[in-house]
Amino acid sequence: MQLSDTRTLQNRPQPALSRVLSNVALLVTTWDLRRRTRKDLRSLPAHMLADIGIDPQIAAHEAYKPFWVA
């Protein structure tokens, strides 16, 4: 399931408990996506960062943010 799929599910009318659980699942999914992408960003060498137009210092700053920070 992709993040966009979970947002679609979130917009449907639901009972209160289901909404809470859906929101928690969406939050955990978002955190996991951030954790994985930041981990991948840390592993990219400088020449690959240059290929995608990202400064290594900016990449390092982003890569070491905690997963709960957007």
PDB file of N, CA and C in Angstrom:
ATOM      1  N   MET A   1       0.846  -1.175   0.000  1.00  0.00           N
ATOM      2  CA  MET A   1       0.000   0.000   0.000  1.00  0.00           C
ATOM      3  C   MET A   1       0.890   1.236   0.000  1.00  0.00           C
ATOM      4  N   GLN A   2       0.551   2.196  -0.809  1.00  0.00           N
ATOM      5  CA  GLN A   2       1.308   3.429  -0.885  1.00  0.00           C
ATOM      6  C   GLN A   2       0.674   4.477   0.022  1.00  0.00           C
ATOM      7  N   LEU A   3       1.449   5.516   0.312  1.00  0.00           N
ATOM      8  CA  LEU A   3       0.970   6.578   1.181  1.00  0.00           C
ATOM      9  C   LEU A   3      -0.277   7.240   0.607  1.00  0.00           C
ATOM     10  N   SER A   4      -0.347   7.413  -0.713  1.00  0.00           N
ATOM     11  CA  SER A   4      -1.526   8.035  -1.323  1.00  0.00           C
ATOM     12  C   SER A   4      -2.772   7.173  -1.115  1.00  0.00           C
ATOM     13  N   ASP A   5      -2.598   5.846  -1.091  1.00  0.00           N
ATOM     14  CA  ASP A   5      -3.733   4.948  -0.842  1.00  0.00           C
ATOM     15  C   ASP A   5      -4.283   5.135   0.561  1.00  0.00           C
ATOM     16  N   THR A   6      -3.390   5.333   1.514  1.00  0.00           N
ATOM     17  CA  THR A   6      -3.850   5.499   2.898  1.00  0.00           C
ATOM     18  C   THR A   6      -4.578   6.823   3.074  1.00  0.00           C
ATOM     19  N   ARG A   7      -4.173   7.841   2.336  1.00  0.00           N
ATOM     20  CA  ARG A   7      -4.872   9.128   2.433  1.00  0.00           C
ATOM     21  C   ARG A   7      -6.265   9.025   1.830  1.00  0.00           C
ATOM     22  N   THR A   8      -6.416   8.239   0.780  1.00  0.00           N
ATOM     23  CA  THR A   8      -7.733   8.023   0.188  1.00  0.00           C
ATOM     24  C   THR A   8      -8.644   7.330   1.187  1.00  0.00           C
ATOM     25  N   LEU A   9      -8.118   6.332   1.867  1.00  0.00           N
ATOM     26  CA  LEU A   9      -8.903   5.626   2.877  1.00  0.00           C
ATOM     27  C   LEU A   9      -9.302   6.550   4.019  1.00  0.00           C
ATOM     28  N   GLN A  10      -8.441   7.493   4.346  1.00  0.00           N
ATOM     29  CA  GLN A  10      -8.696   8.394   5.459  1.00  0.00           C
ATOM     30  C   GLN A  10      -9.879   9.322   5.172  1.00  0.00           C
ATOM     31  N   ASN A  11     -10.170   9.619   3.915  1.00  0.00           N
ATOM     32  CA  ASN A  11     -11.237  10.550   3.563  1.00  0.00           C
ATOM     33  C   ASN A  11     -12.630   9.937   3.580  1.00  0.00           C
ATOM     34  N   ARG A  12     -12.738   8.635   3.710  1.00  0.00           N
ATOM     35  CA  ARG A  12     -14.047   7.981   3.751  1.00  0.00           C
ATOM     36  C   ARG A  12     -14.682   8.170   5.134  1.00  0.00           C
ATOM     37  N   PRO A  13     -16.018   8.276   5.184  1.00  0.00           N
ATOM     38  CA  PRO A  13     -16.677   8.372   6.487  1.00  0.00           C
ATOM     39  C   PRO A  13     -16.459   7.080   7.281  1.00  0.00           C
ATOM     40  N   GLN A  14     -16.083   7.216   8.550  1.00  0.00           N
ATOM     41  CA  GLN A  14     -15.794   6.063   9.391  1.00  0.00           C
ATOM     42  C   GLN A  14     -16.276   6.323  10.813  1.00  0.00           C
ATOM     43  N   PRO A  15     -16.524   5.258  11.569  1.00  0.00           N
ATOM     44  CA  PRO A  15     -16.798   5.437  12.999  1.00  0.00           C
ATOM     45  C   PRO A  15     -15.561   6.032  13.691  1.00  0.00           C
ATOM     46  N   ALA A  16     -15.772   6.620  14.845  1.00  0.00           N
ATOM     47  CA  ALA A  16     -14.707   7.344  15.553  1.00  0.00           C
ATOM     48  C   ALA A  16     -13.467   6.479  15.798  1.00  0.00           C
ATOM     49  N   LEU A  17     -13.651   5.275  16.310  1.00  0.00           N
ATOM     50  CA  LEU A  17     -12.494   4.418  16.603  1.00  0.00           C
ATOM     51  C   LEU A  17     -11.740   4.071  15.322  1.00  0.00           C
ATOM     52  N   SER A  18     -12.453   3.818  14.266  1.00  0.00           N
ATOM     53  CA  SER A  18     -11.808   3.514  12.990  1.00  0.00           C
ATOM     54  C   SER A  18     -11.007   4.703  12.479  1.00  0.00           C
ATOM     55  N   ARG A  19     -11.548   5.921  12.659  1.00  0.00           N
ATOM     56  CA  ARG A  19     -10.815   7.127  12.257  1.00  0.00           C
ATOM     57  C   ARG A  19      -9.523   7.257  13.033  1.00  0.00           C
ATOM     58  N   VAL A  20      -9.592   7.026  14.340  1.00  0.00           N
ATOM     59  CA  VAL A  20      -8.395   7.120  15.185  1.00  0.00           C
ATOM     60  C   VAL A  20      -7.362   6.098  14.741  1.00  0.00           C
ATOM     61  N   LEU A  21      -7.790   4.863  14.550  1.00  0.00           N
ATOM     62  CA  LEU A  21      -6.859   3.814  14.143  1.00  0.00           C
ATOM     63  C   LEU A  21      -6.291   4.085  12.748  1.00  0.00           C
ATOM     64  N   SER A  22      -7.105   4.598  11.861  1.00  0.00           N
ATOM     65  CA  SER A  22      -6.628   4.954  10.517  1.00  0.00           C
ATOM     66  C   SER A  22      -5.585   6.064  10.588  1.00  0.00           C
ATOM     67  N   ASN A  23      -5.842   7.059  11.434  1.00  0.00           N
ATOM     68  CA  ASN A  23      -4.891   8.156  11.590  1.00  0.00           C
ATOM     69  C   ASN A  23      -3.578   7.673  12.189  1.00  0.00           C
ATOM     70  N   VAL A  24      -3.647   6.759  13.147  1.00  0.00           N
ATOM     71  CA  VAL A  24      -2.427   6.194  13.735  1.00  0.00           C
ATOM     72  C   VAL A  24      -1.657   5.402  12.681  1.00  0.00           C
ATOM     73  N   ALA A  25      -2.367   4.608  11.901  1.00  0.00           N
ATOM     74  CA  ALA A  25      -1.713   3.831  10.844  1.00  0.00           C
ATOM     75  C   ALA A  25      -1.068   4.756   9.812  1.00  0.00           C
ATOM     76  N   LEU A  26      -1.740   5.834   9.451  1.00  0.00           N
ATOM     77  CA  LEU A  26      -1.186   6.797   8.505  1.00  0.00           C
ATOM     78  C   LEU A  26       0.065   7.452   9.080  1.00  0.00           C
ATOM     79  N   LEU A  27       0.028   7.807  10.341  1.00  0.00           N
ATOM     80  CA  LEU A  27       1.180   8.423  10.999  1.00  0.00           C
ATOM     81  C   LEU A  27       2.378   7.475  11.016  1.00  0.00           C
ATOM     82  N   VAL A  28       2.146   6.235  11.386  1.00  0.00           N
ATOM     83  CA  VAL A  28       3.225   5.242  11.428  1.00  0.00           C
ATOM     84  C   VAL A  28       3.783   4.997  10.021  1.00  0.00           C
ATOM     85  N   THR A  29       2.911   4.944   9.025  1.00  0.00           N
ATOM     86  CA  THR A  29       3.347   4.759   7.642  1.00  0.00           C
ATOM     87  C   THR A  29       4.204   5.936   7.185  1.00  0.00           C
ATOM     88  N   THR A  30       3.790   7.140   7.530  1.00  0.00           N
ATOM     89  CA  THR A  30       4.555   8.336   7.181  1.00  0.00           C
ATOM     90  C   THR A  30       5.922   8.313   7.847  1.00  0.00           C
ATOM     91  N   TRP A  31       5.956   7.970   9.133  1.00  0.00           N
ATOM     92  CA  TRP A  31       7.229   7.897   9.852  1.00  0.00           C
ATOM     93  C   TRP A  31       8.151   6.850   9.238  1.00  0.00           C
ATOM     94  N   ASP A  32       7.595   5.696   8.871  1.00  0.00           N
ATOM     95  CA  ASP A  32       8.414   4.643   8.275  1.00  0.00           C
ATOM     96  C   ASP A  32       8.962   5.081   6.923  1.00  0.00           C
ATOM     97  N   LEU A  33       8.155   5.760   6.132  1.00  0.00           N
ATOM     98  CA  LEU A  33       8.613   6.263   4.844  1.00  0.00           C
ATOM     99  C   LEU A  33       9.757   7.253   5.033  1.00  0.00           C
ATOM    100  N   ARG A  34       9.627   8.169   5.980  1.00  0.00           N
ATOM    101  CA  ARG A  34      10.710   9.123   6.265  1.00  0.00           C
ATOM    102  C   ARG A  34      11.973   8.407   6.718  1.00  0.00           C
ATOM    103  N   ARG A  35      11.824   7.423   7.595  1.00  0.00           N
ATOM    104  CA  ARG A  35      12.985   6.688   8.104  1.00  0.00           C
ATOM    105  C   ARG A  35      13.728   5.997   6.970  1.00  0.00           C
ATOM    106  N   ARG A  36      12.972   5.334   6.105  1.00  0.00           N
ATOM    107  CA  ARG A  36      13.604   4.599   5.001  1.00  0.00           C
ATOM    108  C   ARG A  36      14.250   5.528   3.984  1.00  0.00           C
ATOM    109  N   THR A  37      13.576   6.616   3.611  1.00  0.00           N
ATOM    110  CA  THR A  37      14.153   7.519   2.612  1.00  0.00           C
ATOM    111  C   THR A  37      15.364   8.248   3.172  1.00  0.00           C
ATOM    112  N   ARG A  38      15.345   8.599   4.442  1.00  0.00           N
ATOM    113  CA  ARG A  38      16.510   9.260   5.039  1.00  0.00           C
ATOM    114  C   ARG A  38      17.684   8.299   5.178  1.00  0.00           C
ATOM    115  N   LYS A  39      17.393   7.056   5.465  1.00  0.00           N
ATOM    116  CA  LYS A  39      18.447   6.039   5.510  1.00  0.00           C
ATOM    117  C   LYS A  39      19.078   5.886   4.126  1.00  0.00           C
ATOM    118  N   ASP A  40      18.245   5.835   3.097  1.00  0.00           N
ATOM    119  CA  ASP A  40      18.749   5.736   1.726  1.00  0.00           C
ATOM    120  C   ASP A  40      19.555   6.976   1.338  1.00  0.00           C
ATOM    121  N   LEU A  41      19.094   8.134   1.761  1.00  0.00           N
ATOM    122  CA  LEU A  41      19.799   9.379   1.462  1.00  0.00           C
ATOM    123  C   LEU A  41      21.192   9.381   2.096  1.00  0.00           C
ATOM    124  N   ARG A  42      21.299   8.856   3.323  1.00  0.00           N
ATOM    125  CA  ARG A  42      22.608   8.775   3.992  1.00  0.00           C
ATOM    126  C   ARG A  42      23.588   7.903   3.225  1.00  0.00           C
ATOM    127  N   SER A  43      23.088   6.911   2.521  1.00  0.00           N
ATOM    128  CA  SER A  43      23.979   5.967   1.848  1.00  0.00           C
ATOM    129  C   SER A  43      24.423   6.434   0.462  1.00  0.00           C
ATOM    130  N   LEU A  44      23.864   7.514  -0.057  1.00  0.00           N
ATOM    131  CA  LEU A  44      24.232   7.975  -1.393  1.00  0.00           C
ATOM    132  C   LEU A  44      25.587   8.685  -1.380  1.00  0.00           C
ATOM    133  N   PRO A  45      26.487   8.318  -2.282  1.00  0.00           N
ATOM    134  CA  PRO A  45      27.765   9.020  -2.380  1.00  0.00           C
ATOM    135  C   PRO A  45      27.574  10.418  -2.990  1.00  0.00           C
ATOM    136  N   ALA A  46      28.588  11.273  -2.830  1.00  0.00           N
ATOM    137  CA  ALA A  46      28.494  12.671  -3.275  1.00  0.00           C
ATOM    138  C   ALA A  46      28.205  12.791  -4.766  1.00  0.00           C
ATOM    139  N   HIS A  47      28.780  11.925  -5.594  1.00  0.00           N
ATOM    140  CA  HIS A  47      28.551  12.054  -7.040  1.00  0.00           C
ATOM    141  C   HIS A  47      27.096  11.730  -7.411  1.00  0.00           C
ATOM    142  N   MET A  48      26.459  10.836  -6.661  1.00  0.00           N
ATOM    143  CA  MET A  48      25.047  10.546  -6.933  1.00  0.00           C
ATOM    144  C   MET A  48      24.156  11.686  -6.452  1.00  0.00           C
ATOM    145  N   LEU A  49      24.521  12.298  -5.332  1.00  0.00           N
ATOM    146  CA  LEU A  49      23.769  13.470  -4.867  1.00  0.00           C
ATOM    147  C   LEU A  49      23.870  14.597  -5.893  1.00  0.00           C
ATOM    148  N   ALA A  50      25.065  14.773  -6.460  1.00  0.00           N
ATOM    149  CA  ALA A  50      25.249  15.804  -7.488  1.00  0.00           C
ATOM    150  C   ALA A  50      24.388  15.497  -8.714  1.00  0.00           C
ATOM    151  N   ASP A  51      24.269  14.226  -9.063  1.00  0.00           N
ATOM    152  CA  ASP A  51      23.453  13.831 -10.218  1.00  0.00           C
ATOM    153  C   ASP A  51      21.986  14.233 -10.043  1.00  0.00           C
ATOM    154  N   ILE A  52      21.499  14.179  -8.820  1.00  0.00           N
ATOM    155  CA  ILE A  52      20.093  14.535  -8.587  1.00  0.00           C
ATOM    156  C   ILE A  52      19.931  15.972  -8.094  1.00  0.00           C
ATOM    157  N   GLY A  53      21.059  16.711  -8.056  1.00  0.00           N
ATOM    158  CA  GLY A  53      20.997  18.140  -7.744  1.00  0.00           C
ATOM    159  C   GLY A  53      20.849  18.471  -6.268  1.00  0.00           C
ATOM    160  N   ILE A  54      21.385  17.621  -5.407  1.00  0.00           N
ATOM    161  CA  ILE A  54      21.300  17.880  -3.963  1.00  0.00           C
ATOM    162  C   ILE A  54      22.701  18.111  -3.420  1.00  0.00           C
ATOM    163  N   ASP A  55      22.874  19.207  -2.699  1.00  0.00           N
ATOM    164  CA  ASP A  55      24.142  19.513  -2.054  1.00  0.00           C
ATOM    165  C   ASP A  55      24.387  18.508  -0.928  1.00  0.00           C
ATOM    166  N   PRO A  56      25.592  17.947  -0.805  1.00  0.00           N
ATOM    167  CA  PRO A  56      25.864  16.951   0.240  1.00  0.00           C
ATOM    168  C   PRO A  56      25.584  17.438   1.670  1.00  0.00           C
ATOM    169  N   GLN A  57      25.833  18.728   1.926  1.00  0.00           N
ATOM    170  CA  GLN A  57      25.562  19.249   3.275  1.00  0.00           C
ATOM    171  C   GLN A  57      24.058  19.290   3.562  1.00  0.00           C
ATOM    172  N   ILE A  58      23.297  19.683   2.572  1.00  0.00           N
ATOM    173  CA  ILE A  58      21.838  19.708   2.735  1.00  0.00           C
ATOM    174  C   ILE A  58      21.303  18.280   2.886  1.00  0.00           C
ATOM    175  N   ALA A  59      21.866  17.363   2.100  1.00  0.00           N
ATOM    176  CA  ALA A  59      21.453  15.962   2.202  1.00  0.00           C
ATOM    177  C   ALA A  59      21.761  15.408   3.590  1.00  0.00           C
ATOM    178  N   ALA A  60      22.932  15.722   4.113  1.00  0.00           N
ATOM    179  CA  ALA A  60      23.300  15.252   5.451  1.00  0.00           C
ATOM    180  C   ALA A  60      22.359  15.830   6.501  1.00  0.00           C
ATOM    181  N   HIS A  61      22.042  17.112   6.360  1.00  0.00           N
ATOM    182  CA  HIS A  61      21.114  17.740   7.309  1.00  0.00           C
ATOM    183  C   HIS A  61      19.760  17.041   7.285  1.00  0.00           C
ATOM    184  N   GLU A  62      19.250  16.771   6.098  1.00  0.00           N
ATOM    185  CA  GLU A  62      17.956  16.094   5.960  1.00  0.00           C
ATOM    186  C   GLU A  62      18.034  14.642   6.443  1.00  0.00           C
ATOM    187  N   ALA A  63      19.117  13.964   6.120  1.00  0.00           N
ATOM    188  CA  ALA A  63      19.244  12.539   6.425  1.00  0.00           C
ATOM    189  C   ALA A  63      19.299  12.262   7.924  1.00  0.00           C
ATOM    190  N   TYR A  64      19.801  13.205   8.687  1.00  0.00           N
ATOM    191  CA  TYR A  64      19.945  12.956  10.126  1.00  0.00           C
ATOM    192  C   TYR A  64      18.829  13.575  10.969  1.00  0.00           C
ATOM    193  N   LYS A  65      17.774  14.047  10.317  1.00  0.00           N
ATOM    194  CA  LYS A  65      16.597  14.500  11.065  1.00  0.00           C
ATOM    195  C   LYS A  65      15.903  13.266  11.671  1.00  0.00           C
ATOM    196  N   PRO A  66      15.306  13.426  12.829  1.00  0.00           N
ATOM    197  CA  PRO A  66      14.515  12.306  13.368  1.00  0.00           C
ATOM    198  C   PRO A  66      13.306  12.040  12.458  1.00  0.00           C
ATOM    199  N   PHE A  67      12.842  10.813  12.448  1.00  0.00           N
ATOM    200  CA  PHE A  67      11.755  10.439  11.544  1.00  0.00           C
ATOM    201  C   PHE A  67      10.460  11.173  11.836  1.00  0.00           C
ATOM    202  N   TRP A  68      10.275  11.676  13.026  1.00  0.00           N
ATOM    203  CA  TRP A  68       9.026  12.365  13.356  1.00  0.00           C
ATOM    204  C   TRP A  68       9.035  13.832  12.929  1.00  0.00           C
ATOM    205  N   VAL A  69      10.168  14.316  12.437  1.00  0.00           N
ATOM    206  CA  VAL A  69      10.265  15.714  11.976  1.00  0.00           C
ATOM    207  C   VAL A  69      10.082  15.739  10.470  1.00  0.00           C
ATOM    208  N   ALA A  70       9.144  16.584  10.020  1.00  0.00           N
ATOM    209  CA  ALA A  70       8.870  16.693   8.562  1.00  0.00           C
ATOM    210  C   ALA A  70       9.981  17.411   7.853  1.00  0.00           C
TER     211      ALA A  70
END
